[in-house]
Amino acid sequence: MSERIRERRVSRYGLPIFLGCLGCFGVAVAALGAILALALFVTAPVEGVRGVGVFGGTVGLIKAEGIIVDGLSEYGVVGSESVVRLLEKAREDPFIRAVVIRVNSPGGSASASQEIYQAIKEFKRSGKPIVVSMGEVAASGGFYIASAADAIFASPSTLTGSIGALLTVVNLQELMRKFGVEAETIVSGPFKDTGSFFRKLRPEERQLLKQLTNDVYEQFVNDVASGRNLPISKIKPIADGRILTGRQAHELKLVDKLGGLQDAISYAAERAGIKGKPRIKELRYRRRLWEIITVTPYPSDFRSMLLLDIRLCPTWLLRKFMLGLATEPARMR
């Protein structure tokens, strides 16, 4: 009787025990597969880009394409706040050993360009190399931010240079007069409405704005000279707003090497001591939820913002002027 009872017990618990062991084996195999998949993922090359993997060294790629403005980046706009955050992220990431910034910009806001310039200088303190690859256009503010990098690559036909500052003031007085529209402004001081497009500039206002523009210009020239390790006497003769090709800029030592994006990436990897081909990680700024649902309009005095030689896109600028007229109420500034 005892032998039969033992056989019944074995037959009763044998199948569950077998299935349990089989399940544990399956979990172990799955865990091992996940570990192998993760290892393959971090060491696999990025499609269409040279790469080996995180363990071989990663080069961070930041794209700065569009008009340079203060705030967050969006399509066709390079936001200084977004670029600064991406540089901080790259500096803190232990796997990223070098950074390449792809610049394709005709310029934009003086203060925003200067903020990115300073962020690049700050990034260099980490010891990680940072290289700029110029695209089709990297002029004025685009060149401003590039000049802070360890090295600059440009194609021979890249449009760059355009070192200078300008202040655009639109005068719509005659146009408004044709439509019978008059504007009357109450000010607390003689210079408070300087740059208003309701009237012409007065001589003293023109002189004031000229001094302001010259001051920003001097800052631009000094920063370029510092970033490029060139004496100001070498920068001043060509800092008259002229556009240069990449080849001309290379001859003038404003650009270090002629080459494309892949050349810049290889150079950055070499400077970082990465053996073999690096993995490329494109860094993108992802807006937070409250940034998506919050609309931040351009300021109403955007029309009088000091720009770094943005003459390559006057239509865009005028469109912003008219948008400000149509959507922004009068307010103290």
Protein backbone atom coordinates (compact mmCIF):
# COMPACT_ATOMS: atom_id res chain seq x y z
CA MET A 1 0.00 0.00 0.00
CA SER A 2 2.77 2.42 0.86
CA GLU A 3 4.47 1.81 -2.51
CA ARG A 4 1.25 2.65 -4.42
CA ILE A 5 0.69 5.78 -2.36
CA ARG A 6 4.25 6.92 -3.12
CA GLU A 7 3.72 6.36 -6.85
CA ARG A 8 0.48 8.33 -6.77
CA ARG A 9 2.20 11.23 -5.02
CA VAL A 10 5.01 11.27 -7.60
CA SER A 11 2.54 11.21 -10.48
CA ARG A 12 0.48 13.93 -8.82
CA TYR A 13 3.35 16.44 -8.25
CA GLY A 14 5.68 15.40 -11.06
CA LEU A 15 4.06 17.44 -13.82
CA PRO A 16 3.87 20.72 -11.83
CA ILE A 17 7.49 20.31 -10.76
CA PHE A 18 8.54 19.67 -14.35
CA LEU A 19 6.62 22.67 -15.62
CA GLY A 20 8.07 24.85 -12.86
CA CYS A 21 11.63 23.83 -13.76
CA LEU A 22 10.86 24.44 -17.42
CA GLY A 23 9.52 27.90 -16.58
CA CYS A 24 12.62 28.81 -14.56
CA PHE A 25 14.81 27.67 -17.42
CA GLY A 26 12.76 29.83 -19.82
CA VAL A 27 13.14 32.89 -17.58
CA ALA A 28 16.90 32.33 -17.39
CA VAL A 29 17.14 32.02 -21.17
CA ALA A 30 15.04 35.17 -21.62
CA ALA A 31 17.21 37.13 -19.19
CA LEU A 32 20.35 35.99 -20.96
CA GLY A 33 18.83 36.97 -24.31
CA ALA A 34 17.94 40.41 -22.99
CA ILE A 35 21.50 40.94 -21.75
CA LEU A 36 22.92 39.88 -25.11
CA ALA A 37 20.44 42.10 -26.98
CA LEU A 38 21.40 45.07 -24.84
CA ALA A 39 25.08 44.40 -25.43
CA LEU A 40 24.49 44.20 -29.19
CA PHE A 41 22.44 47.40 -29.14
CA VAL A 42 25.04 49.53 -27.41
CA THR A 43 27.85 48.14 -29.56
CA ALA A 44 26.01 48.13 -32.89
CA PRO A 45 26.67 50.90 -35.44
CA VAL A 46 24.04 53.53 -36.14
CA GLU A 47 22.44 52.98 -39.54
CA GLY A 48 23.84 55.33 -42.17
CA VAL A 49 26.53 56.66 -39.82
CA ARG A 50 29.91 55.33 -38.90
CA GLY A 51 29.84 53.72 -35.50
CA VAL A 52 31.04 51.02 -33.17
CA GLY A 53 29.23 51.54 -29.91
CA VAL A 54 29.06 53.11 -26.53
CA PHE A 55 31.93 51.04 -25.20
CA GLY A 56 34.09 52.16 -28.11
CA GLY A 57 33.28 55.82 -27.47
CA THR A 58 30.39 58.07 -28.46
CA VAL A 59 30.37 61.40 -30.24
CA GLY A 60 27.38 63.61 -29.49
CA LEU A 61 25.83 65.45 -32.44
CA ILE A 62 23.91 68.71 -31.95
CA LYS A 63 22.19 70.33 -34.92
CA ALA A 64 21.88 74.13 -34.93
CA GLU A 65 19.82 74.84 -38.03
CA GLY A 66 17.84 78.04 -38.56
CA ILE A 67 17.61 81.56 -37.20
CA ILE A 68 19.26 82.00 -33.80
CA VAL A 69 16.84 83.30 -31.17
CA ASP A 70 16.50 83.36 -27.42
CA GLY A 71 14.39 80.53 -25.98
CA LEU A 72 13.62 77.02 -27.20
CA SER A 73 14.38 75.48 -30.56
CA GLU A 74 11.70 74.64 -33.09
CA TYR A 75 11.60 73.97 -36.82
CA GLY A 76 13.77 76.56 -38.57
CA VAL A 77 14.79 78.17 -35.27
CA VAL A 78 17.88 77.63 -33.11
CA GLY A 79 16.90 78.41 -29.52
CA SER A 80 19.83 79.34 -27.28
CA GLU A 81 18.14 77.78 -24.24
CA SER A 82 17.80 74.42 -25.99
CA VAL A 83 21.40 74.38 -27.22
CA VAL A 84 22.74 75.30 -23.79
CA ARG A 85 20.77 72.45 -22.19
CA LEU A 86 22.03 69.97 -24.78
CA LEU A 87 25.62 71.00 -24.14
CA GLU A 88 25.09 70.51 -20.40
CA LYS A 89 23.63 67.07 -21.10
CA ALA A 90 26.61 66.11 -23.26
CA ARG A 91 29.04 67.37 -20.63
CA GLU A 92 27.43 65.23 -17.91
CA ASP A 93 27.02 62.09 -20.04
CA PRO A 94 29.97 59.78 -19.22
CA PHE A 95 29.62 57.88 -22.52
CA ILE A 96 29.86 61.01 -24.71
CA ARG A 97 33.54 61.79 -25.16
CA ALA A 98 33.28 64.52 -27.82
CA VAL A 99 30.66 66.75 -29.42
CA VAL A 100 30.10 67.96 -32.97
CA ILE A 101 27.75 70.89 -33.63
CA ARG A 102 26.33 71.04 -37.14
CA VAL A 103 25.73 74.74 -37.83
CA ASN A 104 23.47 75.81 -40.70
CA SER A 105 22.39 79.35 -39.82
CA PRO A 106 22.53 82.87 -41.31
CA GLY A 107 22.63 84.43 -37.85
CA GLY A 108 20.08 86.00 -35.56
CA SER A 109 19.90 87.50 -32.10
CA ALA A 110 23.14 88.96 -30.75
CA SER A 111 22.45 87.97 -27.15
CA ALA A 112 21.35 84.43 -28.09
CA SER A 113 24.46 83.88 -30.22
CA GLN A 114 26.64 85.16 -27.42
CA GLU A 115 24.92 82.85 -24.92
CA ILE A 116 25.65 79.79 -27.09
CA TYR A 117 29.23 81.00 -27.58
CA GLN A 118 29.71 81.18 -23.80
CA ALA A 119 28.11 77.74 -23.33
CA ILE A 120 30.60 76.22 -25.79
CA LYS A 121 33.49 77.87 -23.93
CA GLU A 122 32.11 76.43 -20.69
CA PHE A 123 31.79 72.98 -22.25
CA LYS A 124 35.48 73.02 -23.22
CA ARG A 125 36.39 73.13 -19.52
CA SER A 126 35.19 69.53 -19.25
CA GLY A 127 38.16 68.45 -21.37
CA LYS A 128 35.91 66.94 -24.03
CA PRO A 129 36.65 68.11 -27.59
CA ILE A 130 33.96 70.14 -29.35
CA VAL A 131 34.04 70.62 -33.12
CA VAL A 132 31.80 72.64 -35.45
CA SER A 133 30.80 71.40 -38.89
CA MET A 134 29.46 74.19 -41.09
CA GLY A 135 26.64 73.37 -43.46
CA GLU A 136 25.41 75.45 -46.37
CA VAL A 137 25.44 78.71 -44.37
CA ALA A 138 27.19 79.55 -41.12
CA ALA A 139 27.33 83.33 -41.29
CA SER A 140 27.30 86.11 -38.73
CA GLY A 141 25.69 84.65 -35.59
CA GLY A 142 26.31 81.19 -37.06
CA PHE A 143 30.01 81.99 -37.30
CA TYR A 144 29.92 83.65 -33.87
CA ILE A 145 28.96 80.40 -32.13
CA ALA A 146 31.34 78.36 -34.30
CA SER A 147 34.34 80.47 -33.35
CA ALA A 148 34.23 79.16 -29.77
CA ALA A 149 34.85 75.54 -30.79
CA ASP A 150 38.16 73.66 -30.71
CA ALA A 151 38.07 73.29 -34.48
CA ILE A 152 35.88 74.35 -37.40
CA PHE A 153 35.19 72.32 -40.55
CA ALA A 154 33.55 73.84 -43.62
CA SER A 155 32.89 72.84 -47.20
CA PRO A 156 34.72 74.94 -49.81
CA SER A 157 31.40 76.45 -50.94
CA THR A 158 29.98 77.11 -47.45
CA LEU A 159 28.85 80.71 -46.94
CA THR A 160 30.35 82.04 -43.74
CA GLY A 161 31.97 85.13 -42.25
CA SER A 162 29.65 88.17 -42.27
CA ILE A 163 31.18 89.48 -39.05
CA GLY A 164 29.18 92.52 -38.11
CA ALA A 165 26.12 93.86 -36.33
CA LEU A 166 23.09 95.77 -37.53
CA LEU A 167 19.93 97.22 -36.12
CA THR A 168 16.87 97.29 -38.36
CA VAL A 169 14.15 99.87 -37.75
CA VAL A 170 11.08 99.79 -39.99
CA ASN A 171 9.27 103.06 -40.68
CA LEU A 172 5.60 102.60 -41.63
CA GLN A 173 4.63 106.24 -41.22
CA GLU A 174 3.86 106.92 -44.90
CA LEU A 175 2.00 103.64 -45.30
CA MET A 176 -0.19 104.37 -42.26
CA ARG A 177 -0.83 107.89 -43.51
CA LYS A 178 -2.27 106.51 -46.76
CA PHE A 179 -4.80 104.52 -44.76
CA GLY A 180 -5.58 107.46 -42.48
CA VAL A 181 -4.04 105.88 -39.41
CA GLU A 182 -2.27 108.04 -36.86
CA ALA A 183 -0.37 106.99 -33.73
CA GLU A 184 0.29 109.04 -30.64
CA THR A 185 2.78 107.78 -28.07
CA ILE A 186 3.16 109.01 -24.50
CA VAL A 187 6.70 108.49 -23.23
CA SER A 188 8.51 109.00 -19.93
CA GLY A 189 11.73 110.11 -21.64
CA PRO A 190 12.98 111.23 -25.07
CA PHE A 191 14.50 107.85 -25.94
CA LYS A 192 11.74 105.56 -24.63
CA ASP A 193 10.11 105.00 -28.04
CA THR A 194 13.35 104.82 -29.99
CA GLY A 195 12.90 102.44 -32.89
CA SER A 196 9.17 103.03 -33.22
CA PHE A 197 7.96 102.36 -36.75
CA PHE A 198 5.36 105.12 -36.40
CA ARG A 199 7.95 107.81 -37.21
CA LYS A 200 11.46 108.46 -38.48
CA LEU A 201 14.46 108.32 -36.22
CA ARG A 202 15.68 111.60 -34.78
CA PRO A 203 19.41 112.43 -35.24
CA GLU A 204 20.17 111.88 -31.55
CA GLU A 205 18.38 108.51 -31.66
CA ARG A 206 20.36 107.47 -34.71
CA GLN A 207 23.58 108.34 -32.91
CA LEU A 208 22.49 106.39 -29.81
CA LEU A 209 21.66 103.29 -31.85
CA LYS A 210 24.93 103.60 -33.75
CA GLN A 211 26.85 103.55 -30.46
CA LEU A 212 24.86 100.53 -29.31
CA THR A 213 25.51 98.67 -32.57
CA ASN A 214 29.22 99.48 -32.44
CA ASP A 215 29.45 98.14 -28.89
CA VAL A 216 27.92 94.79 -29.90
CA TYR A 217 30.19 94.73 -32.95
CA GLU A 218 33.27 95.17 -30.76
CA GLN A 219 32.11 92.31 -28.53
CA PHE A 220 31.62 90.15 -31.62
CA VAL A 221 35.13 90.89 -32.93
CA ASN A 222 36.76 90.35 -29.53
CA ASP A 223 35.00 87.01 -29.01
CA VAL A 224 35.95 85.79 -32.49
CA ALA A 225 39.58 86.79 -31.92
CA SER A 226 39.57 84.98 -28.56
CA GLY A 227 37.88 81.87 -29.91
CA ARG A 228 40.13 81.62 -32.95
CA ASN A 229 43.31 82.56 -31.05
CA LEU A 230 43.99 85.36 -33.51
CA PRO A 231 44.97 88.97 -32.83
CA ILE A 232 42.19 91.52 -33.28
CA SER A 233 44.32 93.19 -35.95
CA LYS A 234 43.82 90.06 -38.10
CA ILE A 235 40.05 90.04 -37.61
CA LYS A 236 39.21 93.75 -38.02
CA PRO A 237 40.14 94.07 -41.75
CA ILE A 238 37.63 91.35 -42.70
CA ALA A 239 35.03 92.15 -40.03
CA ASP A 240 33.08 94.49 -42.29
CA GLY A 241 30.07 92.26 -42.90
CA ARG A 242 31.52 90.56 -45.98
CA ILE A 243 30.42 87.03 -46.86
CA LEU A 244 33.19 84.47 -47.39
CA THR A 245 33.26 81.02 -48.89
CA GLY A 246 34.59 78.18 -46.81
CA ARG A 247 37.75 78.12 -48.88
CA GLN A 248 38.33 81.85 -48.41
CA ALA A 249 37.67 81.54 -44.68
CA HIS A 250 40.19 78.69 -44.51
CA GLU A 251 42.83 80.85 -46.16
CA LEU A 252 42.12 83.60 -43.61
CA LYS A 253 42.36 81.07 -40.72
CA LEU A 254 38.71 81.55 -39.76
CA VAL A 255 38.19 77.86 -40.57
CA ASP A 256 40.60 75.07 -39.60
CA LYS A 257 39.88 72.38 -42.17
CA LEU A 258 37.87 71.84 -45.33
CA GLY A 259 35.54 68.87 -45.05
CA GLY A 260 32.04 67.65 -44.32
CA LEU A 261 30.20 66.37 -41.29
CA GLN A 262 31.81 62.92 -41.30
CA ASP A 263 35.26 64.49 -41.41
CA ALA A 264 34.38 66.61 -38.38
CA ILE A 265 33.08 63.55 -36.51
CA SER A 266 36.23 61.55 -37.25
CA TYR A 267 38.40 64.45 -36.13
CA ALA A 268 36.45 64.88 -32.89
CA ALA A 269 36.72 61.15 -32.17
CA GLU A 270 40.44 61.25 -32.80
CA ARG A 271 40.85 64.24 -30.48
CA ALA A 272 38.91 62.33 -27.81
CA GLY A 273 41.18 59.30 -28.13
CA ILE A 274 38.40 57.03 -29.39
CA LYS A 275 39.82 53.89 -30.98
CA GLY A 276 38.06 52.71 -34.09
CA LYS A 277 34.89 54.21 -35.43
CA PRO A 278 32.75 56.10 -32.90
CA ARG A 279 29.05 55.69 -32.28
CA ILE A 280 27.04 58.83 -33.09
CA LYS A 281 24.34 59.97 -30.70
CA GLU A 282 22.21 62.85 -31.95
CA LEU A 283 21.14 65.00 -29.03
CA ARG A 284 17.70 66.53 -29.34
CA TYR A 285 15.86 68.77 -26.95
CA ARG A 286 12.48 67.31 -26.00
CA ARG A 287 9.98 69.84 -24.78
CA ARG A 288 8.30 69.23 -21.47
CA LEU A 289 4.52 69.06 -21.33
CA TRP A 290 4.09 72.57 -19.96
CA GLU A 291 6.42 73.90 -22.67
CA ILE A 292 4.25 72.31 -25.35
CA ILE A 293 0.95 73.69 -24.06
CA THR A 294 2.41 77.12 -23.21
CA VAL A 295 2.67 79.53 -26.14
CA THR A 296 5.50 82.04 -25.78
CA PRO A 297 4.98 84.89 -28.27
CA TYR A 298 7.78 87.02 -29.61
CA PRO A 299 8.05 90.32 -27.73
CA SER A 300 6.31 93.31 -29.27
CA ASP A 301 9.61 95.13 -29.53
CA PHE A 302 11.13 92.28 -31.58
CA ARG A 303 11.19 94.77 -34.46
CA SER A 304 13.95 96.73 -32.72
CA MET A 305 16.01 93.73 -31.56
CA LEU A 306 19.69 93.99 -32.32
CA LEU A 307 20.62 91.40 -34.91
CA LEU A 308 23.91 89.96 -36.05
CA ASP A 309 23.76 90.69 -39.75
CA ILE A 310 20.49 88.98 -40.55
CA ARG A 311 20.17 90.62 -43.95
CA LEU A 312 20.05 87.20 -45.58
CA CYS A 313 16.42 86.82 -44.42
CA PRO A 314 14.71 90.24 -44.39
CA THR A 315 11.36 88.76 -45.46
CA TRP A 316 11.22 86.64 -42.32
CA LEU A 317 12.06 89.66 -40.18
CA LEU A 318 9.38 91.85 -41.78
CA ARG A 319 6.81 89.08 -41.32
CA LYS A 320 7.58 89.05 -37.61
CA PHE A 321 7.15 92.83 -37.50
CA MET A 322 3.71 92.63 -39.05
CA LEU A 323 2.74 89.71 -36.82
CA GLY A 324 3.67 91.78 -33.79
CA LEU A 325 1.52 94.63 -35.04
CA ALA A 326 -1.45 92.37 -35.59
CA THR A 327 -1.31 90.28 -32.42
CA GLU A 328 0.50 92.19 -29.70
CA PRO A 329 -1.33 94.90 -27.70
CA ALA A 330 0.50 98.06 -26.70
CA ARG A 331 2.39 97.55 -23.46
CA MET A 332 5.12 99.12 -21.40
CA ARG A 333 8.63 98.10 -22.37
